[in-house]
Amino acid sequence: MSTRTSTPPDIDQLRHVPTVSVEEAGRYLGVSRAFAYTMVRNGDLPVIRLGTRRVRVPSAKLLRMLGVEA
């Protein structure tokens, strides 16, 4: 079993990219990868679908969810 310690993501980095992965969005929101994908399925996390399997989270919408101005 691996243990992973991660530092909280830097909001300033989020301002400089157009989209992030669902996993990255989960880290910003402080939720697990599995819960982030549950949020996508429930429509609680806005995504852009690229093809049939790939999804990205728009940074501007994620910043709004976090209560931070883009």
PDB file of N, CA and C in Angstrom:
ATOM      1  N   MET A   1       0.847  -1.174   0.000  1.00  0.00           N
ATOM      2  CA  MET A   1       0.000   0.000   0.000  1.00  0.00           C
ATOM      3  C   MET A   1       0.891   1.235   0.000  1.00  0.00           C
ATOM      4  N   SER A   2       0.609   2.133  -0.868  1.00  0.00           N
ATOM      5  CA  SER A   2       1.419   3.345  -0.927  1.00  0.00           C
ATOM      6  C   SER A   2       0.724   4.462  -0.163  1.00  0.00           C
ATOM      7  N   THR A   3       1.526   5.263   0.472  1.00  0.00           N
ATOM      8  CA  THR A   3       0.978   6.449   1.130  1.00  0.00           C
ATOM      9  C   THR A   3       1.435   7.648   0.334  1.00  0.00           C
ATOM     10  N   ARG A   4       0.547   8.566   0.189  1.00  0.00           N
ATOM     11  CA  ARG A   4       0.859   9.735  -0.627  1.00  0.00           C
ATOM     12  C   ARG A   4       0.541  10.978   0.171  1.00  0.00           C
ATOM     13  N   THR A   5       1.527  11.796   0.334  1.00  0.00           N
ATOM     14  CA  THR A   5       1.272  13.082   0.966  1.00  0.00           C
ATOM     15  C   THR A   5       1.356  14.131  -0.119  1.00  0.00           C
ATOM     16  N   SER A   6       0.385  14.974  -0.149  1.00  0.00           N
ATOM     17  CA  SER A   6       0.403  16.010  -1.176  1.00  0.00           C
ATOM     18  C   SER A   6       0.173  17.359  -0.529  1.00  0.00           C
ATOM     19  N   THR A   7       0.834  18.334  -1.075  1.00  0.00           N
ATOM     20  CA  THR A   7       0.622  19.687  -0.593  1.00  0.00           C
ATOM     21  C   THR A   7      -0.608  20.248  -1.284  1.00  0.00           C
ATOM     22  N   PRO A   8      -1.298  21.157  -0.637  1.00  0.00           N
ATOM     23  CA  PRO A   8      -2.471  21.748  -1.282  1.00  0.00           C
ATOM     24  C   PRO A   8      -2.064  22.439  -2.578  1.00  0.00           C
ATOM     25  N   PRO A   9      -2.888  22.323  -3.605  1.00  0.00           N
ATOM     26  CA  PRO A   9      -2.542  22.958  -4.879  1.00  0.00           C
ATOM     27  C   PRO A   9      -2.555  24.478  -4.773  1.00  0.00           C
ATOM     28  N   ASP A  10      -1.786  25.111  -5.627  1.00  0.00           N
ATOM     29  CA  ASP A  10      -1.651  26.565  -5.638  1.00  0.00           C
ATOM     30  C   ASP A  10      -2.710  27.169  -6.566  1.00  0.00           C
ATOM     31  N   ILE A  11      -3.578  28.007  -6.009  1.00  0.00           N
ATOM     32  CA  ILE A  11      -4.659  28.631  -6.780  1.00  0.00           C
ATOM     33  C   ILE A  11      -4.099  29.471  -7.926  1.00  0.00           C
ATOM     34  N   ASP A  12      -2.953  30.105  -7.728  1.00  0.00           N
ATOM     35  CA  ASP A  12      -2.367  30.930  -8.796  1.00  0.00           C
ATOM     36  C   ASP A  12      -2.050  30.098 -10.036  1.00  0.00           C
ATOM     37  N   GLN A  13      -1.635  28.853  -9.847  1.00  0.00           N
ATOM     38  CA  GLN A  13      -1.369  27.983 -10.992  1.00  0.00           C
ATOM     39  C   GLN A  13      -2.648  27.713 -11.769  1.00  0.00           C
ATOM     40  N   LEU A  14      -3.757  27.597 -11.060  1.00  0.00           N
ATOM     41  CA  LEU A  14      -5.045  27.322 -11.695  1.00  0.00           C
ATOM     42  C   LEU A  14      -5.459  28.468 -12.614  1.00  0.00           C
ATOM     43  N   ARG A  15      -5.073  29.676 -12.271  1.00  0.00           N
ATOM     44  CA  ARG A  15      -5.437  30.841 -13.086  1.00  0.00           C
ATOM     45  C   ARG A  15      -4.734  30.857 -14.445  1.00  0.00           C
ATOM     46  N   HIS A  16      -3.661  30.103 -14.580  1.00  0.00           N
ATOM     47  CA  HIS A  16      -2.839  30.166 -15.795  1.00  0.00           C
ATOM     48  C   HIS A  16      -3.058  29.010 -16.762  1.00  0.00           C
ATOM     49  N   VAL A  17      -4.007  28.142 -16.475  1.00  0.00           N
ATOM     50  CA  VAL A  17      -4.301  27.032 -17.388  1.00  0.00           C
ATOM     51  C   VAL A  17      -5.789  27.046 -17.724  1.00  0.00           C
ATOM     52  N   PRO A  18      -6.148  26.696 -18.949  1.00  0.00           N
ATOM     53  CA  PRO A  18      -7.567  26.745 -19.325  1.00  0.00           C
ATOM     54  C   PRO A  18      -8.405  25.637 -18.694  1.00  0.00           C
ATOM     55  N   THR A  19      -7.806  24.456 -18.524  1.00  0.00           N
ATOM     56  CA  THR A  19      -8.538  23.332 -17.943  1.00  0.00           C
ATOM     57  C   THR A  19      -7.607  22.515 -17.060  1.00  0.00           C
ATOM     58  N   VAL A  20      -8.209  21.696 -16.200  1.00  0.00           N
ATOM     59  CA  VAL A  20      -7.458  20.746 -15.382  1.00  0.00           C
ATOM     60  C   VAL A  20      -8.158  19.397 -15.456  1.00  0.00           C
ATOM     61  N   SER A  21      -7.452  18.357 -15.055  1.00  0.00           N
ATOM     62  CA  SER A  21      -8.057  17.027 -15.028  1.00  0.00           C
ATOM     63  C   SER A  21      -9.049  16.936 -13.871  1.00  0.00           C
ATOM     64  N   VAL A  22      -9.878  15.922 -13.915  1.00  0.00           N
ATOM     65  CA  VAL A  22     -10.832  15.710 -12.823  1.00  0.00           C
ATOM     66  C   VAL A  22     -10.073  15.444 -11.524  1.00  0.00           C
ATOM     67  N   GLU A  23      -8.971  14.707 -11.604  1.00  0.00           N
ATOM     68  CA  GLU A  23      -8.165  14.427 -10.417  1.00  0.00           C
ATOM     69  C   GLU A  23      -7.617  15.714  -9.803  1.00  0.00           C
ATOM     70  N   GLU A  24      -7.103  16.606 -10.662  1.00  0.00           N
ATOM     71  CA  GLU A  24      -6.584  17.886 -10.170  1.00  0.00           C
ATOM     72  C   GLU A  24      -7.698  18.721  -9.549  1.00  0.00           C
ATOM     73  N   ALA A  25      -8.852  18.749 -10.192  1.00  0.00           N
ATOM     74  CA  ALA A  25      -9.989  19.496  -9.648  1.00  0.00           C
ATOM     75  C   ALA A  25     -10.352  18.959  -8.273  1.00  0.00           C
ATOM     76  N   GLY A  26     -10.315  17.649  -8.122  1.00  0.00           N
ATOM     77  CA  GLY A  26     -10.593  17.041  -6.823  1.00  0.00           C
ATOM     78  C   GLY A  26      -9.617  17.506  -5.756  1.00  0.00           C
ATOM     79  N   ARG A  27      -8.344  17.619  -6.130  1.00  0.00           N
ATOM     80  CA  ARG A  27      -7.348  18.110  -5.161  1.00  0.00           C
ATOM     81  C   ARG A  27      -7.653  19.544  -4.745  1.00  0.00           C
ATOM     82  N   TYR A  28      -8.028  20.387  -5.709  1.00  0.00           N
ATOM     83  CA  TYR A  28      -8.385  21.771  -5.376  1.00  0.00           C
ATOM     84  C   TYR A  28      -9.604  21.818  -4.461  1.00  0.00           C
ATOM     85  N   LEU A  29     -10.547  20.916  -4.694  1.00  0.00           N
ATOM     86  CA  LEU A  29     -11.778  20.895  -3.893  1.00  0.00           C
ATOM     87  C   LEU A  29     -11.607  20.151  -2.574  1.00  0.00           C
ATOM     88  N   GLY A  30     -10.498  19.444  -2.434  1.00  0.00           N
ATOM     89  CA  GLY A  30     -10.257  18.698  -1.202  1.00  0.00           C
ATOM     90  C   GLY A  30     -11.056  17.409  -1.112  1.00  0.00           C
ATOM     91  N   VAL A  31     -11.340  16.796  -2.272  1.00  0.00           N
ATOM     92  CA  VAL A  31     -12.094  15.540  -2.287  1.00  0.00           C
ATOM     93  C   VAL A  31     -11.264  14.472  -2.994  1.00  0.00           C
ATOM     94  N   SER A  32     -11.654  13.228  -2.813  1.00  0.00           N
ATOM     95  CA  SER A  32     -10.941  12.125  -3.440  1.00  0.00           C
ATOM     96  C   SER A  32     -11.198  12.087  -4.937  1.00  0.00           C
ATOM     97  N   ARG A  33     -10.359  11.354  -5.632  1.00  0.00           N
ATOM     98  CA  ARG A  33     -10.529  11.156  -7.071  1.00  0.00           C
ATOM     99  C   ARG A  33     -11.888  10.531  -7.351  1.00  0.00           C
ATOM    100  N   ALA A  34     -12.240   9.511  -6.581  1.00  0.00           N
ATOM    101  CA  ALA A  34     -13.524   8.824  -6.787  1.00  0.00           C
ATOM    102  C   ALA A  34     -14.695   9.780  -6.595  1.00  0.00           C
ATOM    103  N   PHE A  35     -14.627  10.617  -5.559  1.00  0.00           N
ATOM    104  CA  PHE A  35     -15.728  11.548  -5.315  1.00  0.00           C
ATOM    105  C   PHE A  35     -15.784  12.622  -6.397  1.00  0.00           C
ATOM    106  N   ALA A  36     -14.624  13.039  -6.902  1.00  0.00           N
ATOM    107  CA  ALA A  36     -14.610  14.025  -7.992  1.00  0.00           C
ATOM    108  C   ALA A  36     -15.328  13.459  -9.215  1.00  0.00           C
ATOM    109  N   TYR A  37     -15.082  12.188  -9.533  1.00  0.00           N
ATOM    110  CA  TYR A  37     -15.784  11.569 -10.665  1.00  0.00           C
ATOM    111  C   TYR A  37     -17.270  11.396 -10.371  1.00  0.00           C
ATOM    112  N   THR A  38     -17.628  11.158  -9.120  1.00  0.00           N
ATOM    113  CA  THR A  38     -19.045  11.107  -8.741  1.00  0.00           C
ATOM    114  C   THR A  38     -19.682  12.470  -8.972  1.00  0.00           C
ATOM    115  N   MET A  39     -18.971  13.538  -8.631  1.00  0.00           N
ATOM    116  CA  MET A  39     -19.474  14.888  -8.873  1.00  0.00           C
ATOM    117  C   MET A  39     -19.703  15.128 -10.364  1.00  0.00           C
ATOM    118  N   VAL A  40     -18.808  14.605 -11.206  1.00  0.00           N
ATOM    119  CA  VAL A  40     -18.976  14.738 -12.657  1.00  0.00           C
ATOM    120  C   VAL A  40     -20.246  14.016 -13.088  1.00  0.00           C
ATOM    121  N   ARG A  41     -20.411  12.772 -12.640  1.00  0.00           N
ATOM    122  CA  ARG A  41     -21.593  11.991 -13.022  1.00  0.00           C
ATOM    123  C   ARG A  41     -22.887  12.646 -12.573  1.00  0.00           C
ATOM    124  N   ASN A  42     -22.864  13.289 -11.396  1.00  0.00           N
ATOM    125  CA  ASN A  42     -24.064  13.936 -10.858  1.00  0.00           C
ATOM    126  C   ASN A  42     -24.299  15.332 -11.427  1.00  0.00           C
ATOM    127  N   GLY A  43     -23.352  15.835 -12.211  1.00  0.00           N
ATOM    128  CA  GLY A  43     -23.487  17.173 -12.775  1.00  0.00           C
ATOM    129  C   GLY A  43     -23.080  18.280 -11.816  1.00  0.00           C
ATOM    130  N   ASP A  44     -22.431  17.917 -10.705  1.00  0.00           N
ATOM    131  CA  ASP A  44     -22.003  18.907  -9.714  1.00  0.00           C
ATOM    132  C   ASP A  44     -20.649  19.534 -10.042  1.00  0.00           C
ATOM    133  N   LEU A  45     -19.914  18.923 -10.948  1.00  0.00           N
ATOM    134  CA  LEU A  45     -18.617  19.446 -11.366  1.00  0.00           C
ATOM    135  C   LEU A  45     -18.678  19.640 -12.879  1.00  0.00           C
ATOM    136  N   PRO A  46     -18.628  20.890 -13.352  1.00  0.00           N
ATOM    137  CA  PRO A  46     -18.754  21.143 -14.790  1.00  0.00           C
ATOM    138  C   PRO A  46     -17.528  20.629 -15.541  1.00  0.00           C
ATOM    139  N   VAL A  47     -17.769  19.967 -16.661  1.00  0.00           N
ATOM    140  CA  VAL A  47     -16.665  19.423 -17.445  1.00  0.00           C
ATOM    141  C   VAL A  47     -16.873  19.691 -18.930  1.00  0.00           C
ATOM    142  N   ILE A  48     -15.779  19.581 -19.649  1.00  0.00           N
ATOM    143  CA  ILE A  48     -15.792  19.590 -21.107  1.00  0.00           C
ATOM    144  C   ILE A  48     -15.437  18.169 -21.524  1.00  0.00           C
ATOM    145  N   ARG A  49     -16.287  17.550 -22.314  1.00  0.00           N
ATOM    146  CA  ARG A  49     -16.029  16.183 -22.769  1.00  0.00           C
ATOM    147  C   ARG A  49     -15.253  16.222 -24.079  1.00  0.00           C
ATOM    148  N   LEU A  50     -14.151  15.492 -24.103  1.00  0.00           N
ATOM    149  CA  LEU A  50     -13.294  15.390 -25.289  1.00  0.00           C
ATOM    150  C   LEU A  50     -13.342  13.944 -25.760  1.00  0.00           C
ATOM    151  N   GLY A  51     -14.203  13.685 -26.709  1.00  0.00           N
ATOM    152  CA  GLY A  51     -14.378  12.309 -27.152  1.00  0.00           C
ATOM    153  C   GLY A  51     -15.294  11.555 -26.199  1.00  0.00           C
ATOM    154  N   THR A  52     -15.129  10.250 -26.162  1.00  0.00           N
ATOM    155  CA  THR A  52     -16.034   9.434 -25.352  1.00  0.00           C
ATOM    156  C   THR A  52     -15.557   9.220 -23.929  1.00  0.00           C
ATOM    157  N   ARG A  53     -14.257   9.346 -23.683  1.00  0.00           N
ATOM    158  CA  ARG A  53     -13.744   9.026 -22.354  1.00  0.00           C
ATOM    159  C   ARG A  53     -13.045  10.170 -21.636  1.00  0.00           C
ATOM    160  N   ARG A  54     -12.513  11.107 -22.357  1.00  0.00           N
ATOM    161  CA  ARG A  54     -11.684  12.146 -21.739  1.00  0.00           C
ATOM    162  C   ARG A  54     -12.533  13.344 -21.340  1.00  0.00           C
ATOM    163  N   VAL A  55     -12.325  13.803 -20.111  1.00  0.00           N
ATOM    164  CA  VAL A  55     -13.040  14.987 -19.627  1.00  0.00           C
ATOM    165  C   VAL A  55     -12.047  15.932 -18.965  1.00  0.00           C
ATOM    166  N   ARG A  56     -12.311  17.219 -19.081  1.00  0.00           N
ATOM    167  CA  ARG A  56     -11.488  18.254 -18.456  1.00  0.00           C
ATOM    168  C   ARG A  56     -12.404  19.223 -17.735  1.00  0.00           C
ATOM    169  N   VAL A  57     -11.910  19.820 -16.678  1.00  0.00           N
ATOM    170  CA  VAL A  57     -12.680  20.783 -15.894  1.00  0.00           C
ATOM    171  C   VAL A  57     -12.184  22.183 -16.250  1.00  0.00           C
ATOM    172  N   PRO A  58     -13.078  23.071 -16.703  1.00  0.00           N
ATOM    173  CA  PRO A  58     -12.668  24.445 -17.016  1.00  0.00           C
ATOM    174  C   PRO A  58     -12.184  25.166 -15.750  1.00  0.00           C
ATOM    175  N   SER A  59     -11.013  25.736 -15.828  1.00  0.00           N
ATOM    176  CA  SER A  59     -10.418  26.408 -14.665  1.00  0.00           C
ATOM    177  C   SER A  59     -11.278  27.557 -14.152  1.00  0.00           C
ATOM    178  N   ALA A  60     -11.848  28.341 -15.058  1.00  0.00           N
ATOM    179  CA  ALA A  60     -12.662  29.489 -14.637  1.00  0.00           C
ATOM    180  C   ALA A  60     -13.860  29.033 -13.803  1.00  0.00           C
ATOM    181  N   LYS A  61     -14.508  27.955 -14.218  1.00  0.00           N
ATOM    182  CA  LYS A  61     -15.662  27.456 -13.464  1.00  0.00           C
ATOM    183  C   LYS A  61     -15.232  26.872 -12.127  1.00  0.00           C
ATOM    184  N   LEU A  62     -14.078  26.209 -12.103  1.00  0.00           N
ATOM    185  CA  LEU A  62     -13.568  25.669 -10.847  1.00  0.00           C
ATOM    186  C   LEU A  62     -13.216  26.801  -9.884  1.00  0.00           C
ATOM    187  N   LEU A  63     -12.612  27.865 -10.399  1.00  0.00           N
ATOM    188  CA  LEU A  63     -12.294  29.017  -9.549  1.00  0.00           C
ATOM    189  C   LEU A  63     -13.568  29.612  -8.948  1.00  0.00           C
ATOM    190  N   ARG A  64     -14.634  29.694  -9.757  1.00  0.00           N
ATOM    191  CA  ARG A  64     -15.913  30.201  -9.235  1.00  0.00           C
ATOM    192  C   ARG A  64     -16.455  29.296  -8.134  1.00  0.00           C
ATOM    193  N   MET A  65     -16.329  27.982  -8.330  1.00  0.00           N
ATOM    194  CA  MET A  65     -16.785  27.037  -7.306  1.00  0.00           C
ATOM    195  C   MET A  65     -16.015  27.237  -6.000  1.00  0.00           C
ATOM    196  N   LEU A  66     -14.746  27.615  -6.131  1.00  0.00           N
ATOM    197  CA  LEU A  66     -13.900  27.825  -4.960  1.00  0.00           C
ATOM    198  C   LEU A  66     -14.089  29.212  -4.350  1.00  0.00           C
ATOM    199  N   GLY A  67     -14.893  30.050  -5.017  1.00  0.00           N
ATOM    200  CA  GLY A  67     -15.136  31.399  -4.515  1.00  0.00           C
ATOM    201  C   GLY A  67     -13.985  32.349  -4.756  1.00  0.00           C
ATOM    202  N   VAL A  68     -13.219  32.079  -5.817  1.00  0.00           N
ATOM    203  CA  VAL A  68     -12.056  32.893  -6.156  1.00  0.00           C
ATOM    204  C   VAL A  68     -12.301  33.525  -7.517  1.00  0.00           C
ATOM    205  N   GLU A  69     -11.926  34.785  -7.670  1.00  0.00           N
ATOM    206  CA  GLU A  69     -12.084  35.450  -8.965  1.00  0.00           C
ATOM    207  C   GLU A  69     -11.018  34.970  -9.932  1.00  0.00           C
ATOM    208  N   ALA A  70     -11.427  34.787 -11.184  1.00  0.00           N
ATOM    209  CA  ALA A  70     -10.481  34.346 -12.220  1.00  0.00           C
ATOM    210  C   ALA A  70      -9.616  35.515 -12.604  1.00  0.00           C
TER     211      ALA A  70
END
